[in-house]
C-alpha atoms as a PDB file:
ATOM      1  CA  MET A   1     -45.708  -3.534  72.139  1.00  0.00           C
ATOM      2  CA  VAL A   2     -46.943  -0.019  71.392  1.00  0.00           C
ATOM      3  CA  CYS A   3     -44.522   1.963  69.259  1.00  0.00           C
ATOM      4  CA  PRO A   4     -43.804   5.445  70.612  1.00  0.00           C
ATOM      5  CA  ILE A   5     -44.855   8.494  68.619  1.00  0.00           C
ATOM      6  CA  ILE A   6     -41.813  10.092  67.041  1.00  0.00           C
ATOM      7  CA  ASN A   7     -41.502  13.714  68.147  1.00  0.00           C
ATOM      8  CA  PRO A   8     -38.035  14.886  67.184  1.00  0.00           C
ATOM      9  CA  THR A   9     -36.477  18.164  68.187  1.00  0.00           C
ATOM     10  CA  THR A  10     -35.683  20.175  65.059  1.00  0.00           C
ATOM     11  CA  CYS A  11     -33.707  23.393  64.757  1.00  0.00           C
ATOM     12  CA  CYS A  12     -32.921  26.360  62.559  1.00  0.00           C
ATOM     13  CA  GLN A  13     -29.783  28.466  62.366  1.00  0.00           C
ATOM     14  CA  VAL A  14     -29.577  32.092  61.293  1.00  0.00           C
ATOM     15  CA  VAL A  15     -26.747  34.608  60.968  1.00  0.00           C
ATOM     16  CA  VAL A  16     -27.428  37.877  62.791  1.00  0.00           C
ATOM     17  CA  GLU A  17     -25.341  40.956  61.995  1.00  0.00           C
ATOM     18  CA  ARG A  18     -25.559  44.416  63.525  1.00  0.00           C
ATOM     19  CA  THR A  19     -23.621  47.675  63.674  1.00  0.00           C
ATOM     20  CA  THR A  20     -24.297  49.698  66.829  1.00  0.00           C
ATOM     21  CA  GLN A  21     -23.595  53.411  67.139  1.00  0.00           C
ATOM     22  CA  LEU A  22     -21.469  54.186  70.207  1.00  0.00           C
ATOM     23  CA  VAL A  23     -22.682  57.474  71.687  1.00  0.00           C
ATOM     24  CA  PRO A  24     -20.579  58.826  73.270  1.00  0.00           C
ATOM     25  CA  PRO A  25     -17.711  57.070  71.460  1.00  0.00           C
ATOM     26  CA  ALA A  26     -15.612  54.369  73.091  1.00  0.00           C
ATOM     27  CA  LEU A  27     -11.965  54.571  74.008  1.00  0.00           C
ATOM     28  CA  ALA A  28     -10.373  52.226  71.479  1.00  0.00           C
ATOM     29  CA  GLY A  29      -9.810  48.718  72.788  1.00  0.00           C
ATOM     30  CA  THR A  30     -12.203  48.967  75.756  1.00  0.00           C
ATOM     31  CA  VAL A  31     -15.411  47.536  74.260  1.00  0.00           C
ATOM     32  CA  THR A  32     -16.819  44.335  75.771  1.00  0.00           C
ATOM     33  CA  PHE A  33     -20.302  42.904  75.345  1.00  0.00           C
ATOM     34  CA  THR A  34     -22.765  40.316  76.621  1.00  0.00           C
ATOM     35  CA  GLN A  35     -25.729  38.810  74.791  1.00  0.00           C
ATOM     36  CA  THR A  36     -28.889  36.879  75.563  1.00  0.00           C
ATOM     37  CA  VAL A  37     -31.311  35.295  73.101  1.00  0.00           C
ATOM     38  CA  GLU A  38     -35.098  35.243  73.274  1.00  0.00           C
ATOM     39  CA  ALA A  39     -37.191  33.284  70.757  1.00  0.00           C
ATOM     40  CA  ASP A  40     -40.833  32.411  70.221  1.00  0.00           C
ATOM     41  CA  ILE A  41     -43.020  30.701  67.630  1.00  0.00           C
ATOM     42  CA  GLU A  42     -44.595  33.287  65.343  1.00  0.00           C
ATOM     43  CA  ASN A  43     -46.750  30.907  63.333  1.00  0.00           C
ATOM     44  CA  VAL A  44     -47.168  27.327  62.173  1.00  0.00           C
ATOM     45  CA  VAL A  45     -48.076  26.674  58.539  1.00  0.00           C
ATOM     46  CA  PRO A  46     -48.060  23.403  56.592  1.00  0.00           C
ATOM     47  CA  GLU A  47     -44.591  21.829  56.928  1.00  0.00           C
ATOM     48  CA  LYS A  48     -43.072  24.995  58.451  1.00  0.00           C
ATOM     49  CA  VAL A  49     -42.597  26.464  61.929  1.00  0.00           C
ATOM     50  CA  VAL A  50     -41.831  30.185  61.760  1.00  0.00           C
ATOM     51  CA  ILE A  51     -39.578  31.524  64.514  1.00  0.00           C
ATOM     52  CA  CYS A  52     -39.131  35.126  65.612  1.00  0.00           C
ATOM     53  CA  GLY A  53     -36.635  36.276  68.195  1.00  0.00           C
ATOM     54  CA  VAL A  54     -34.428  39.002  69.594  1.00  0.00           C
ATOM     55  CA  VAL A  55     -30.775  39.143  70.579  1.00  0.00           C
ATOM     56  CA  HIS A  56     -30.451  41.452  73.590  1.00  0.00           C
ATOM     57  CA  LYS A  57     -26.990  42.995  73.602  1.00  0.00           C
ATOM     58  CA  THR A  58     -25.263  45.020  76.333  1.00  0.00           C
ATOM     59  CA  ILE A  59     -22.104  46.854  75.256  1.00  0.00           C
ATOM     60  CA  THR A  60     -19.798  48.120  77.995  1.00  0.00           C
ATOM     61  CA  TYR A  61     -16.861  50.453  77.383  1.00  0.00           C
ATOM     62  CA  THR A  62     -14.938  53.479  78.567  1.00  0.00           C
ATOM     63  CA  ALA A  63     -16.726  56.446  77.045  1.00  0.00           C
ATOM     64  CA  VAL A  64     -14.858  59.529  75.903  1.00  0.00           C
ATOM     65  CA  LEU A  65     -16.748  62.813  76.227  1.00  0.00           C
ATOM     66  CA  GLU A  66     -16.228  65.803  73.938  1.00  0.00           C
ATOM     67  CA  ASN A  67     -13.861  67.428  76.444  1.00  0.00           C
ATOM     68  CA  GLY A  68     -11.779  64.249  76.734  1.00  0.00           C
ATOM     69  CA  THR A  69     -13.268  63.126  80.063  1.00  0.00           C
ATOM     70  CA  LEU A  70     -13.221  59.334  80.485  1.00  0.00           C
ATOM     71  CA  VAL A  71     -16.323  57.538  81.792  1.00  0.00           C
ATOM     72  CA  PRO A  72     -15.471  53.902  82.631  1.00  0.00           C
ATOM     73  CA  GLY A  73     -18.243  51.306  82.609  1.00  0.00           C
ATOM     74  CA  PHE A  74     -20.540  53.192  80.225  1.00  0.00           C
ATOM     75  CA  GLN A  75     -23.219  50.923  78.722  1.00  0.00           C
ATOM     76  CA  VAL A  76     -25.224  50.895  75.496  1.00  0.00           C
ATOM     77  CA  PHE A  77     -28.150  48.517  74.959  1.00  0.00           C
ATOM     78  CA  ASP A  78     -29.305  47.162  71.613  1.00  0.00           C
ATOM     79  CA  ASP A  79     -31.966  44.668  70.516  1.00  0.00           C
ATOM     80  CA  ILE A  80     -31.429  42.764  67.265  1.00  0.00           C
ATOM     81  CA  PRO A  81     -34.519  41.032  65.797  1.00  0.00           C
ATOM     82  CA  PHE A  82     -34.251  37.862  63.724  1.00  0.00           C
ATOM     83  CA  GLN A  83     -36.407  35.239  62.029  1.00  0.00           C
ATOM     84  CA  CYS A  84     -35.880  31.695  60.808  1.00  0.00           C
ATOM     85  CA  VAL A  85     -37.968  28.809  59.500  1.00  0.00           C
ATOM     86  CA  ILE A  86     -37.866  25.181  60.636  1.00  0.00           C
ATOM     87  CA  ASP A  87     -38.935  22.419  58.239  1.00  0.00           C
ATOM     88  CA  ARG A  88     -41.387  19.958  59.829  1.00  0.00           C
ATOM     89  CA  GLU A  89     -43.258  17.474  57.654  1.00  0.00           C
ATOM     90  CA  ASP A  90     -45.679  16.863  60.550  1.00  0.00           C
ATOM     91  CA  ALA A  91     -46.572  20.560  60.963  1.00  0.00           C
ATOM     92  CA  ASN A  92     -50.059  21.746  60.067  1.00  0.00           C
ATOM     93  CA  GLU A  93     -51.820  25.059  60.507  1.00  0.00           C
ATOM     94  CA  GLY A  94     -52.937  25.424  64.124  1.00  0.00           C
ATOM     95  CA  ASP A  95     -50.527  22.819  65.527  1.00  0.00           C
ATOM     96  CA  LEU A  96     -48.754  23.675  68.757  1.00  0.00           C
ATOM     97  CA  PHE A  97     -44.981  23.663  69.075  1.00  0.00           C
ATOM     98  CA  GLU A  98     -42.721  24.805  71.896  1.00  0.00           C
ATOM     99  CA  VAL A  99     -39.245  26.314  71.848  1.00  0.00           C
ATOM    100  CA  THR A 100     -36.874  23.922  73.598  1.00  0.00           C
ATOM    101  CA  GLY A 101     -33.740  26.014  73.248  1.00  0.00           C
ATOM    102  CA  ALA A 102     -32.365  29.275  71.869  1.00  0.00           C
ATOM    103  CA  ALA A 103     -28.686  30.127  72.037  1.00  0.00           C
ATOM    104  CA  ILE A 104     -25.739  31.745  70.311  1.00  0.00           C
ATOM    105  CA  LEU A 105     -24.074  28.897  68.460  1.00  0.00           C
ATOM    106  CA  GLY A 106     -20.934  30.858  67.679  1.00  0.00           C
ATOM    107  CA  GLN A 107     -19.492  34.340  67.413  1.00  0.00           C
ATOM    108  CA  VAL A 108     -18.392  35.042  63.827  1.00  0.00           C
ATOM    109  CA  SER A 109     -16.875  38.474  64.391  1.00  0.00           C
ATOM    110  CA  ALA A 110     -16.890  41.416  66.792  1.00  0.00           C
ATOM    111  CA  GLN A 111     -14.906  44.577  66.191  1.00  0.00           C
ATOM    112  CA  GLU A 112     -14.753  48.289  66.864  1.00  0.00           C
ATOM    113  CA  GLN A 113     -15.130  50.486  63.777  1.00  0.00           C
ATOM    114  CA  ASN A 114     -15.125  54.069  62.497  1.00  0.00           C
ATOM    115  CA  PHE A 115     -12.160  55.379  64.476  1.00  0.00           C
ATOM    116  CA  GLY A 116     -11.274  58.966  65.226  1.00  0.00           C
ATOM    117  CA  PHE A 117      -9.572  61.110  67.852  1.00  0.00           C
ATOM    118  CA  ILE A 118     -10.873  63.226  70.730  1.00  0.00           C
ATOM    119  CA  ASP A 119      -8.378  65.278  72.716  1.00  0.00           C
ATOM    120  CA  GLY A 120      -5.594  63.000  71.458  1.00  0.00           C
ATOM    121  CA  LEU A 121      -7.432  59.798  72.434  1.00  0.00           C
ATOM    122  CA  ARG A 122      -8.251  57.213  69.746  1.00  0.00           C
ATOM    123  CA  VAL A 123     -11.968  56.430  69.875  1.00  0.00           C
ATOM    124  CA  ALA A 124     -14.422  54.127  68.082  1.00  0.00           C
ATOM    125  CA  PHE A 125     -17.823  55.430  67.005  1.00  0.00           C
ATOM    126  CA  LYS A 126     -19.291  52.061  65.975  1.00  0.00           C
ATOM    127  CA  PHE A 127     -19.227  48.425  67.054  1.00  0.00           C
ATOM    128  CA  LYS A 128     -20.032  45.652  64.571  1.00  0.00           C
ATOM    129  CA  GLU A 129     -20.649  42.033  65.430  1.00  0.00           C
ATOM    130  CA  LYS A 130     -21.978  38.908  63.755  1.00  0.00           C
ATOM    131  CA  GLU A 131     -23.102  35.644  65.353  1.00  0.00           C
ATOM    132  CA  ILE A 132     -24.967  32.446  64.530  1.00  0.00           C
ATOM    133  CA  ILE A 133     -28.211  31.850  66.428  1.00  0.00           C
ATOM    134  CA  LYS A 134     -29.707  28.387  66.880  1.00  0.00           C
ATOM    135  CA  VAL A 135     -33.347  27.796  67.870  1.00  0.00           C
ATOM    136  CA  CYS A 136     -34.901  24.355  68.446  1.00  0.00           C
ATOM    137  CA  VAL A 137     -38.552  23.297  68.735  1.00  0.00           C
ATOM    138  CA  ARG A 138     -40.687  20.211  69.214  1.00  0.00           C
ATOM    139  CA  ARG A 139     -44.399  19.437  68.979  1.00  0.00           C
ATOM    140  CA  LEU A 140     -46.220  20.094  72.214  1.00  0.00           C
ATOM    141  CA  PRO A 141     -47.502  16.753  73.578  1.00  0.00           C
ATOM    142  CA  VAL A 142     -51.269  17.091  74.138  1.00  0.00           C
ATOM    143  CA  THR A 143     -52.405  15.431  77.368  1.00  0.00           C
ATOM    144  CA  GLY A 144     -55.904  16.884  77.526  1.00  0.00           C
ATOM    145  CA  THR A 145     -58.368  19.335  75.967  1.00  0.00           C
ATOM    146  CA  GLU A 146     -61.360  21.197  77.370  1.00  0.00           C
ATOM    147  CA  VAL A 147     -64.006  23.076  75.386  1.00  0.00           C
ATOM    148  CA  GLY A 148     -66.542  25.478  76.887  1.00  0.00           C
ATOM    149  CA  ILE A 149     -69.307  27.248  74.909  1.00  0.00           C
ATOM    150  CA  GLY A 150     -71.889  29.820  75.951  1.00  0.00           C
ATOM    151  CA  LEU A 151     -75.071  30.538  73.974  1.00  0.00           C
ATOM    152  CA  GLY A 152     -78.203  32.329  75.157  1.00  0.00           C
ATOM    153  CA  PHE A 153     -81.163  34.094  73.546  1.00  0.00           C
ATOM    154  CA  THR A 154     -83.670  36.706  74.639  1.00  0.00           C
ATOM    155  CA  SER A 155     -87.254  36.834  73.403  1.00  0.00           C
ATOM    156  CA  ALA A 156     -86.246  39.505  70.875  1.00  0.00           C
ATOM    157  CA  ASP A 157     -83.514  37.401  69.245  1.00  0.00           C
ATOM    158  CA  CYS A 158     -85.538  35.520  66.627  1.00  0.00           C
ATOM    159  CA  ASN A 159     -83.849  36.009  63.227  1.00  0.00           C
ATOM    160  CA  VAL A 160     -81.168  38.114  64.917  1.00  0.00           C
ATOM    161  CA  PRO A 161     -77.487  37.024  64.971  1.00  0.00           C
ATOM    162  CA  VAL A 162     -76.348  36.291  68.530  1.00  0.00           C
ATOM    163  CA  VAL A 163     -72.696  35.935  69.507  1.00  0.00           C
ATOM    164  CA  ALA A 164     -71.732  32.546  70.929  1.00  0.00           C
ATOM    165  CA  SER A 165     -68.458  32.661  72.838  1.00  0.00           C
ATOM    166  CA  GLY A 166     -66.252  29.831  73.981  1.00  0.00           C
ATOM    167  CA  SER A 167     -62.775  28.751  74.901  1.00  0.00           C
ATOM    168  CA  LEU A 168     -60.425  25.873  74.143  1.00  0.00           C
ATOM    169  CA  LEU A 169     -57.854  24.798  76.706  1.00  0.00           C
ATOM    170  CA  VAL A 170     -54.991  22.491  75.743  1.00  0.00           C
ATOM    171  CA  ASN A 171     -53.117  20.975  78.678  1.00  0.00           C
ATOM    172  CA  GLY A 172     -54.962  23.500  80.843  1.00  0.00           C
ATOM    173  CA  ALA A 173     -53.796  26.558  78.875  1.00  0.00           C
ATOM    174  CA  GLY A 174     -55.245  28.649  76.059  1.00  0.00           C
ATOM    175  CA  PHE A 175     -53.400  29.131  72.774  1.00  0.00           C
ATOM    176  CA  ALA A 176     -54.029  31.337  69.753  1.00  0.00           C
ATOM    177  CA  GLY A 177     -54.279  30.099  66.170  1.00  0.00           C
ATOM    178  CA  ILE A 178     -56.098  26.754  66.592  1.00  0.00           C
ATOM    179  CA  PRO A 179     -58.917  26.226  64.044  1.00  0.00           C
ATOM    180  CA  VAL A 180     -62.375  25.507  65.478  1.00  0.00           C
ATOM    181  CA  THR A 181     -65.206  24.246  63.240  1.00  0.00           C
ATOM    182  CA  PHE A 182     -68.897  24.746  64.099  1.00  0.00           C
ATOM    183  CA  THR A 183     -72.001  22.784  63.183  1.00  0.00           C
ATOM    184  CA  ILE A 184     -75.560  23.496  64.269  1.00  0.00           C
ATOM    185  CA  GLU A 185     -78.558  21.278  65.020  1.00  0.00           C
ATOM    186  CA  GLY A 186     -82.062  22.740  65.026  1.00  0.00           C
ATOM    187  CA  ALA A 187     -83.720  25.718  63.367  1.00  0.00           C
ATOM    188  CA  ALA A 188     -80.687  27.986  63.255  1.00  0.00           C
ATOM    189  CA  THR A 189     -77.633  28.897  61.218  1.00  0.00           C
ATOM    190  CA  VAL A 190     -74.051  29.496  62.330  1.00  0.00           C
ATOM    191  CA  SER A 191     -71.542  31.871  60.742  1.00  0.00           C
ATOM    192  CA  PRO A 192     -68.636  31.735  60.367  1.00  0.00           C
ATOM    193  CA  THR A 193     -68.372  27.965  60.440  1.00  0.00           C
ATOM    194  CA  THR A 194     -64.613  28.009  61.101  1.00  0.00           C
ATOM    195  CA  VAL A 195     -62.637  30.414  63.277  1.00  0.00           C
ATOM    196  CA  PHE A 196     -59.207  30.473  64.882  1.00  0.00           C
ATOM    197  CA  THR A 197     -58.729  30.760  68.607  1.00  0.00           C
ATOM    198  CA  GLU A 198     -57.515  34.083  69.945  1.00  0.00           C
ATOM    199  CA  ALA A 199     -55.034  34.721  72.745  1.00  0.00           C
ATOM    200  CA  GLY A 200     -56.063  32.704  75.781  1.00  0.00           C
ATOM    201  CA  GLY A 201     -57.857  30.138  73.606  1.00  0.00           C
ATOM    202  CA  PHE A 202     -61.053  32.200  73.194  1.00  0.00           C
ATOM    203  CA  PHE A 203     -63.270  31.972  70.109  1.00  0.00           C
ATOM    204  CA  HIS A 204     -66.546  33.464  68.833  1.00  0.00           C
ATOM    205  CA  THR A 205     -69.175  32.824  66.180  1.00  0.00           C
ATOM    206  CA  ASN A 206     -72.715  34.004  65.390  1.00  0.00           C
ATOM    207  CA  VAL A 207     -75.891  31.920  65.698  1.00  0.00           C
ATOM    208  CA  THR A 208     -79.175  33.012  64.097  1.00  0.00           C
ATOM    209  CA  ALA A 209     -82.367  31.219  65.146  1.00  0.00           C
ATOM    210  CA  PHE A 210     -85.215  31.132  62.607  1.00  0.00           C
ATOM    211  CA  GLY A 211     -87.621  28.546  64.040  1.00  0.00           C
ATOM    212  CA  PRO A 212     -88.804  26.953  67.301  1.00  0.00           C
ATOM    213  CA  GLY A 213     -87.276  24.097  69.272  1.00  0.00           C
ATOM    214  CA  ASN A 214     -83.908  23.216  70.735  1.00  0.00           C
ATOM    215  CA  ILE A 215     -80.731  24.563  69.152  1.00  0.00           C
ATOM    216  CA  THR A 216     -77.417  22.758  69.656  1.00  0.00           C
ATOM    217  CA  LEU A 217     -74.123  24.414  68.745  1.00  0.00           C
ATOM    218  CA  ILE A 218     -71.173  22.040  68.330  1.00  0.00           C
ATOM    219  CA  ALA A 219     -67.510  23.089  68.265  1.00  0.00           C
ATOM    220  CA  ALA A 220     -64.896  20.562  67.161  1.00  0.00           C
ATOM    221  CA  GLY A 221     -61.459  20.157  65.643  1.00  0.00           C
ATOM    222  CA  THR A 222     -58.035  18.676  66.226  1.00  0.00           C
ATOM    223  CA  VAL A 223     -54.845  20.018  67.757  1.00  0.00           C
ATOM    224  CA  ASN A 224     -51.597  18.164  67.115  1.00  0.00           C
ATOM    225  CA  GLY A 225     -53.712  15.275  65.850  1.00  0.00           C
ATOM    226  CA  VAL A 226     -55.793  15.061  69.053  1.00  0.00           C
ATOM    227  CA  PRO A 227     -59.550  15.685  68.562  1.00  0.00           C
ATOM    228  CA  PHE A 228     -61.550  18.066  70.744  1.00  0.00           C
ATOM    229  CA  PHE A 229     -65.321  18.520  71.016  1.00  0.00           C
ATOM    230  CA  GLY A 230     -67.820  20.649  72.891  1.00  0.00           C
ATOM    231  CA  GLU A 231     -71.500  21.517  72.597  1.00  0.00           C
ATOM    232  CA  VAL A 232     -74.232  23.631  74.149  1.00  0.00           C
ATOM    233  CA  THR A 233     -78.020  23.297  73.812  1.00  0.00           C
ATOM    234  CA  THR A 234     -80.593  26.022  74.412  1.00  0.00           C
ATOM    235  CA  MET A 235     -84.181  26.849  73.448  1.00  0.00           C
ATOM    236  CA  SER A 236     -84.836  28.919  70.363  1.00  0.00           C
ATOM    237  CA  PRO A 237     -86.365  32.370  70.910  1.00  0.00           C
ATOM    238  CA  CYS A 238     -88.612  31.888  67.873  1.00  0.00           C
ATOM    239  CA  PRO A 239     -92.272  30.971  68.493  1.00  0.00           C
END
Protein backbone atom coordinates (compact mmCIF):
# COMPACT_ATOMS: atom_id res chain seq x y z
CA MET A 1 0.00 0.00 0.00
CA VAL A 2 1.22 3.48 -0.91
CA CYS A 3 0.11 6.12 1.58
CA PRO A 4 -1.41 9.20 -0.06
CA ILE A 5 0.32 12.55 0.27
CA ILE A 6 -1.58 14.73 2.71
CA ASN A 7 -2.64 17.97 1.04
CA PRO A 8 -5.20 19.62 3.30
CA THR A 9 -7.25 22.65 2.44
CA THR A 10 -6.46 25.44 4.90
CA CYS A 11 -8.20 28.77 5.34
CA CYS A 12 -7.93 32.25 6.79
CA GLN A 13 -10.65 34.57 8.02
CA VAL A 14 -10.51 38.36 8.08
CA VAL A 15 -12.92 41.09 9.15
CA VAL A 16 -13.48 43.74 6.48
CA GLU A 17 -15.05 47.07 7.41
CA ARG A 18 -15.87 50.01 5.16
CA THR A 19 -17.81 53.27 5.20
CA THR A 20 -18.97 54.38 1.75
CA GLN A 21 -19.96 57.94 0.91
CA LEU A 22 -23.40 58.09 -0.73
CA VAL A 23 -23.32 60.80 -3.40
CA PRO A 24 -26.02 61.88 -3.97
CA PRO A 25 -27.44 60.86 -0.58
CA ALA A 26 -29.91 58.01 -0.17
CA LEU A 27 -33.51 58.26 0.89
CA ALA A 28 -33.44 56.75 4.37
CA GLY A 29 -34.37 53.08 4.47
CA THR A 30 -33.85 52.40 0.75
CA VAL A 31 -30.25 51.14 0.71
CA THR A 32 -29.61 47.56 -0.43
CA PHE A 33 -26.32 46.01 -1.49
CA THR A 34 -24.70 43.00 -3.14
CA GLN A 35 -21.13 41.77 -2.76
CA THR A 36 -18.70 39.47 -4.52
CA VAL A 37 -15.26 38.36 -3.32
CA GLU A 38 -12.10 37.97 -5.38
CA ALA A 39 -8.90 36.55 -3.88
CA ASP A 40 -5.45 35.55 -5.07
CA ILE A 41 -2.14 34.38 -3.62
CA GLU A 42 0.21 37.32 -3.20
CA ASN A 43 3.24 35.36 -2.04
CA VAL A 44 4.42 32.16 -0.39
CA VAL A 45 7.09 32.36 2.30
CA PRO A 46 8.28 29.70 4.74
CA GLU A 47 5.23 28.36 6.63
CA LYS A 48 2.96 31.16 5.35
CA VAL A 49 0.68 31.75 2.36
CA VAL A 50 -0.13 35.44 1.94
CA ILE A 51 -3.55 36.22 0.48
CA CYS A 52 -4.72 39.46 -1.11
CA GLY A 53 -8.25 40.12 -2.25
CA VAL A 54 -11.03 42.57 -2.97
CA VAL A 55 -14.67 42.75 -1.95
CA HIS A 56 -16.64 44.25 -4.85
CA LYS A 57 -19.71 46.01 -3.49
CA THR A 58 -22.71 47.42 -5.37
CA ILE A 59 -24.98 49.70 -3.34
CA THR A 60 -28.44 50.42 -4.74
CA TYR A 61 -30.79 53.06 -3.34
CA THR A 62 -33.23 55.83 -4.10
CA ALA A 63 -31.11 58.94 -4.51
CA VAL A 64 -32.31 62.35 -3.40
CA LEU A 65 -31.07 65.29 -5.47
CA GLU A 66 -30.53 68.78 -4.08
CA ASN A 67 -33.94 69.91 -5.35
CA GLY A 68 -35.67 66.94 -3.72
CA THR A 69 -36.03 64.90 -6.93
CA LEU A 70 -36.05 61.14 -6.29
CA VAL A 71 -33.95 58.84 -8.49
CA PRO A 72 -34.88 55.19 -7.82
CA GLY A 73 -32.33 52.47 -8.55
CA PHE A 74 -29.26 54.70 -8.24
CA GLN A 75 -26.05 52.68 -7.79
CA VAL A 76 -22.68 53.30 -6.16
CA PHE A 77 -19.75 50.91 -6.60
CA ASP A 78 -16.96 50.35 -4.09
CA ASP A 79 -13.97 48.01 -3.91
CA ILE A 80 -12.65 47.02 -0.48
CA PRO A 81 -9.14 45.47 -0.41
CA PHE A 82 -8.11 42.95 2.24
CA GLN A 83 -5.23 40.68 3.20
CA CYS A 84 -4.83 37.60 5.37
CA VAL A 85 -2.19 34.98 6.12
CA ILE A 86 -2.64 31.20 6.16
CA ASP A 87 -0.32 29.05 8.28
CA ARG A 88 1.12 26.08 6.35
CA GLU A 89 3.99 24.08 7.82
CA ASP A 90 4.62 22.58 4.36
CA ALA A 91 4.95 25.98 2.63
CA ASN A 92 8.32 27.07 1.29
CA GLU A 93 9.40 30.02 -0.81
CA GLY A 94 8.48 29.38 -4.45
CA ASP A 95 5.86 26.71 -3.71
CA LEU A 96 2.64 26.87 -5.68
CA PHE A 97 -0.76 27.07 -4.02
CA GLU A 98 -4.21 27.65 -5.48
CA VAL A 99 -7.26 29.39 -4.05
CA THR A 100 -10.04 26.83 -3.68
CA GLY A 101 -12.67 29.18 -2.32
CA ALA A 102 -13.35 32.78 -1.32
CA ALA A 103 -16.64 33.85 0.20
CA ILE A 104 -18.39 36.07 2.71
CA LEU A 105 -18.69 33.92 5.80
CA GLY A 106 -21.10 36.25 7.55
CA GLN A 107 -22.42 39.79 7.62
CA VAL A 108 -21.57 41.45 10.95
CA SER A 109 -23.38 44.74 10.38
CA ALA A 110 -24.78 46.98 7.65
CA GLN A 111 -26.37 50.34 8.36
CA GLU A 112 -27.08 53.76 6.94
CA GLN A 113 -25.31 56.62 8.72
CA ASN A 114 -24.89 60.40 8.87
CA PHE A 115 -28.52 61.40 8.42
CA GLY A 116 -29.89 64.75 7.34
CA PHE A 117 -32.83 66.30 5.51
CA ILE A 118 -33.32 67.52 1.94
CA ASP A 119 -36.60 69.20 1.06
CA GLY A 120 -38.20 67.53 4.09
CA LEU A 121 -36.92 64.05 3.16
CA ARG A 122 -34.68 62.17 5.61
CA VAL A 123 -31.51 61.09 3.81
CA ALA A 124 -28.35 59.12 4.62
CA PHE A 125 -24.97 60.38 3.44
CA LYS A 126 -22.97 57.27 4.40
CA PHE A 127 -23.35 53.49 4.47
CA LYS A 128 -21.21 51.38 6.80
CA GLU A 129 -20.90 47.62 6.70
CA LYS A 130 -18.71 44.92 8.20
CA GLU A 131 -18.36 41.28 7.14
CA ILE A 132 -16.14 38.25 7.68
CA ILE A 133 -14.29 36.95 4.62
CA LYS A 134 -13.02 33.38 4.36
CA VAL A 135 -10.37 32.27 1.85
CA CYS A 136 -9.12 28.69 1.46
CA VAL A 137 -6.07 27.31 -0.37
CA ARG A 138 -4.29 24.04 -1.07
CA ARG A 139 -0.95 23.06 -2.57
CA LEU A 140 -1.08 22.74 -6.33
CA PRO A 141 -0.47 19.08 -7.25
CA VAL A 142 2.45 18.97 -9.72
CA THR A 143 1.88 16.47 -12.53
CA GLY A 144 4.70 17.56 -14.81
CA THR A 145 7.46 20.12 -15.41
CA GLU A 146 9.19 21.33 -18.56
CA VAL A 147 12.35 23.44 -18.75
CA GLY A 148 13.61 25.18 -21.89
CA ILE A 149 16.88 27.17 -22.12
CA GLY A 150 18.40 29.19 -24.94
CA LEU A 151 22.09 30.12 -25.12
CA GLY A 152 24.06 31.31 -28.14
CA PHE A 153 27.31 33.18 -28.78
CA THR A 154 28.73 35.24 -31.62
CA SER A 155 32.43 35.39 -32.46
CA ALA A 156 32.69 38.67 -30.54
CA ASP A 157 31.31 37.26 -27.28
CA CYS A 158 34.51 35.94 -25.68
CA ASN A 159 34.77 37.40 -22.15
CA VAL A 160 31.47 39.22 -22.71
CA PRO A 161 28.36 38.44 -20.60
CA VAL A 162 25.61 36.93 -22.76
CA VAL A 163 22.00 36.63 -21.61
CA ALA A 164 20.66 33.08 -21.43
CA SER A 165 16.87 32.97 -21.36
CA GLY A 166 14.57 30.13 -20.46
CA SER A 167 11.19 29.13 -19.17
CA LEU A 168 9.74 26.73 -16.62
CA LEU A 169 6.30 25.25 -17.14
CA VAL A 170 4.48 23.49 -14.30
CA ASN A 171 1.47 21.44 -15.38
CA GLY A 172 1.78 23.19 -18.74
CA ALA A 173 1.60 26.73 -17.30
CA GLY A 174 4.15 29.33 -16.26
CA PHE A 175 4.22 30.76 -12.74
CA ALA A 176 6.17 33.60 -11.14
CA GLY A 177 8.29 33.28 -8.00
CA ILE A 178 9.84 29.80 -8.43
CA PRO A 179 13.60 29.71 -7.63
CA VAL A 180 15.87 28.38 -10.39
CA THR A 181 19.52 27.50 -9.67
CA PHE A 182 22.21 27.48 -12.39
CA THR A 183 25.46 25.57 -12.72
CA ILE A 184 27.91 25.71 -15.60
CA GLU A 185 30.24 23.15 -17.18
CA GLY A 186 33.15 24.28 -19.34
CA ALA A 187 35.23 27.44 -19.58
CA ALA A 188 32.55 29.90 -18.52
CA THR A 189 30.91 31.52 -15.52
CA VAL A 190 27.24 32.10 -14.76
CA SER A 191 25.75 34.99 -12.78
CA PRO A 192 23.46 35.18 -10.96
CA THR A 193 23.43 31.54 -9.93
CA THR A 194 19.87 31.72 -8.57
CA VAL A 195 16.91 33.65 -9.96
CA PHE A 196 13.15 33.57 -9.55
CA THR A 197 10.82 32.96 -12.44
CA GLU A 198 8.88 35.93 -13.77
CA ALA A 199 5.28 36.04 -14.97
CA GLY A 200 4.74 33.25 -17.48
CA GLY A 201 7.55 31.18 -15.95
CA PHE A 202 10.37 33.02 -17.76
CA PHE A 203 13.86 33.40 -16.30
CA HIS A 204 17.23 34.90 -17.30
CA THR A 205 20.88 34.74 -16.29
CA ASN A 206 24.24 35.80 -17.74
CA VAL A 207 26.94 33.46 -19.09
CA THR A 208 30.50 34.65 -19.72
CA ALA A 209 32.82 32.41 -21.75
CA PHE A 210 36.56 32.74 -21.09
CA GLY A 211 38.05 29.70 -22.84
CA PRO A 212 37.50 27.25 -25.72
CA GLY A 213 35.36 24.12 -25.84
CA ASN A 214 31.78 23.17 -25.10
CA ILE A 215 29.78 25.12 -22.52
CA THR A 216 26.80 23.51 -20.79
CA LEU A 217 24.34 25.59 -18.78
CA ILE A 218 22.17 23.64 -16.34
CA ALA A 219 19.00 24.95 -14.68
CA ALA A 220 17.48 22.99 -11.80
CA GLY A 221 15.34 23.25 -8.70
CA THR A 222 12.20 21.94 -7.06
CA VAL A 223 8.60 23.11 -7.04
CA ASN A 224 6.26 21.73 -4.38
CA GLY A 225 8.90 19.10 -3.69
CA VAL A 226 9.06 17.93 -7.32
CA PRO A 227 12.49 18.36 -8.99
CA PHE A 228 12.94 19.95 -12.41
CA PHE A 229 16.00 20.03 -14.67
CA GLY A 230 17.05 21.42 -18.02
CA GLU A 231 20.30 22.04 -19.88
CA VAL A 232 21.71 23.48 -23.08
CA THR A 233 25.15 22.94 -24.65
CA THR A 234 26.88 25.22 -27.15
CA MET A 235 30.40 25.98 -28.39
CA SER A 236 32.41 28.70 -26.72
CA PRO A 237 33.22 31.77 -28.82
CA CYS A 238 36.73 31.89 -27.35
CA PRO A 239 39.61 30.56 -29.49
